[in-house]
Amino acid sequence: MLVTLCWLMLGVAGVAWEGYCRRAGSPWTSLGELMGRAWRHPVSRIVLLAAWTFIGWHVFARYTVPT
């Protein structure tokens, strides 16, 4: 329950950040732009995929499997 609440709060914070950054005149980079820039380089693609795999295995799989 606690982990689900933390993920929900992280998701809401991400959506809020994206909305704040996409308004006109914002000096901050949005998460979409940041991931787009990172995805252009082959080394950062590998790092992003490795991080996604690590997070998927160690967080989602562990906390969503009923015991």
C-alpha atoms as a PDB file:
ATOM      1  CA  MET A   1       0.000   0.000   0.000  1.00  0.00           C
ATOM      2  CA  LEU A   2       2.754   2.445   0.945  1.00  0.00           C
ATOM      3  CA  VAL A   3       4.753   1.708  -2.190  1.00  0.00           C
ATOM      4  CA  THR A   4       1.670   2.203  -4.355  1.00  0.00           C
ATOM      5  CA  LEU A   5       1.027   5.546  -2.686  1.00  0.00           C
ATOM      6  CA  CYS A   6       4.646   6.597  -3.303  1.00  0.00           C
ATOM      7  CA  TRP A   7       4.406   5.673  -6.995  1.00  0.00           C
ATOM      8  CA  LEU A   8       1.134   7.557  -7.273  1.00  0.00           C
ATOM      9  CA  MET A   9       2.690  10.651  -5.706  1.00  0.00           C
ATOM     10  CA  LEU A  10       5.693  10.356  -8.043  1.00  0.00           C
ATOM     11  CA  GLY A  11       3.357  10.144 -11.052  1.00  0.00           C
ATOM     12  CA  VAL A  12       1.356  13.183  -9.946  1.00  0.00           C
ATOM     13  CA  ALA A  13       4.577  15.115  -9.368  1.00  0.00           C
ATOM     14  CA  GLY A  14       5.784  14.166 -12.866  1.00  0.00           C
ATOM     15  CA  VAL A  15       2.548  15.308 -14.490  1.00  0.00           C
ATOM     16  CA  ALA A  16       2.630  18.556 -12.500  1.00  0.00           C
ATOM     17  CA  TRP A  17       6.267  19.171 -13.499  1.00  0.00           C
ATOM     18  CA  GLU A  18       5.464  18.524 -17.160  1.00  0.00           C
ATOM     19  CA  GLY A  19       2.516  20.919 -17.044  1.00  0.00           C
ATOM     20  CA  TYR A  20       4.584  23.602 -15.322  1.00  0.00           C
ATOM     21  CA  CYS A  21       7.413  23.291 -17.840  1.00  0.00           C
ATOM     22  CA  ARG A  22       5.175  23.342 -20.913  1.00  0.00           C
ATOM     23  CA  ARG A  23       3.583  26.688 -20.148  1.00  0.00           C
ATOM     24  CA  ALA A  24       4.826  29.660 -22.154  1.00  0.00           C
ATOM     25  CA  GLY A  25       8.032  31.241 -20.942  1.00  0.00           C
ATOM     26  CA  SER A  26       9.084  28.528 -18.519  1.00  0.00           C
ATOM     27  CA  PRO A  27      12.881  28.421 -18.046  1.00  0.00           C
ATOM     28  CA  TRP A  28      12.838  24.730 -17.057  1.00  0.00           C
ATOM     29  CA  THR A  29      13.185  21.713 -19.337  1.00  0.00           C
ATOM     30  CA  SER A  30      10.239  19.310 -19.396  1.00  0.00           C
ATOM     31  CA  LEU A  31      10.660  15.592 -18.802  1.00  0.00           C
ATOM     32  CA  GLY A  32       9.616  14.883 -22.389  1.00  0.00           C
ATOM     33  CA  GLU A  33      12.320  17.158 -23.785  1.00  0.00           C
ATOM     34  CA  LEU A  34      14.891  15.688 -21.421  1.00  0.00           C
ATOM     35  CA  MET A  35      14.093  12.109 -22.461  1.00  0.00           C
ATOM     36  CA  GLY A  36      14.058  13.159 -26.123  1.00  0.00           C
ATOM     37  CA  ARG A  37      17.546  14.599 -25.828  1.00  0.00           C
ATOM     38  CA  ALA A  38      18.832  11.575 -23.945  1.00  0.00           C
ATOM     39  CA  TRP A  39      17.293   9.139 -26.446  1.00  0.00           C
ATOM     40  CA  ARG A  40      19.314  10.649 -29.337  1.00  0.00           C
ATOM     41  CA  HIS A  41      22.641   9.281 -28.076  1.00  0.00           C
ATOM     42  CA  PRO A  42      23.361   5.532 -28.232  1.00  0.00           C
ATOM     43  CA  VAL A  43      25.103   5.380 -24.848  1.00  0.00           C
ATOM     44  CA  SER A  44      22.292   7.159 -23.048  1.00  0.00           C
ATOM     45  CA  ARG A  45      19.775   4.836 -24.738  1.00  0.00           C
ATOM     46  CA  ILE A  46      21.532   1.884 -23.125  1.00  0.00           C
ATOM     47  CA  VAL A  47      21.591   3.649 -19.757  1.00  0.00           C
ATOM     48  CA  LEU A  48      17.867   4.515 -20.000  1.00  0.00           C
ATOM     49  CA  LEU A  49      16.924   0.966 -20.967  1.00  0.00           C
ATOM     50  CA  ALA A  50      19.066  -0.467 -18.160  1.00  0.00           C
ATOM     51  CA  ALA A  51      17.482   1.902 -15.627  1.00  0.00           C
ATOM     52  CA  TRP A  52      13.991   1.045 -16.895  1.00  0.00           C
ATOM     53  CA  THR A  53      14.737  -2.674 -16.606  1.00  0.00           C
ATOM     54  CA  PHE A  54      16.209  -2.272 -13.118  1.00  0.00           C
ATOM     55  CA  ILE A  55      13.262  -0.235 -11.871  1.00  0.00           C
ATOM     56  CA  GLY A  56      10.747  -2.570 -13.499  1.00  0.00           C
ATOM     57  CA  TRP A  57      12.249  -5.667 -11.964  1.00  0.00           C
ATOM     58  CA  HIS A  58      13.120  -4.398  -8.506  1.00  0.00           C
ATOM     59  CA  VAL A  59      10.082  -2.236  -7.835  1.00  0.00           C
ATOM     60  CA  PHE A  60       7.074  -3.261  -9.901  1.00  0.00           C
ATOM     61  CA  ALA A  61       7.679  -7.031  -9.875  1.00  0.00           C
ATOM     62  CA  ARG A  62       8.518  -7.180  -6.191  1.00  0.00           C
ATOM     63  CA  TYR A  63       5.638  -5.077  -4.905  1.00  0.00           C
ATOM     64  CA  THR A  64       2.850  -6.237  -7.233  1.00  0.00           C
ATOM     65  CA  VAL A  65       3.235 -10.010  -6.818  1.00  0.00           C
ATOM     66  CA  PRO A  66       0.818 -11.216  -4.135  1.00  0.00           C
ATOM     67  CA  THR A  67       2.430 -13.148  -1.302  1.00  0.00           C
END
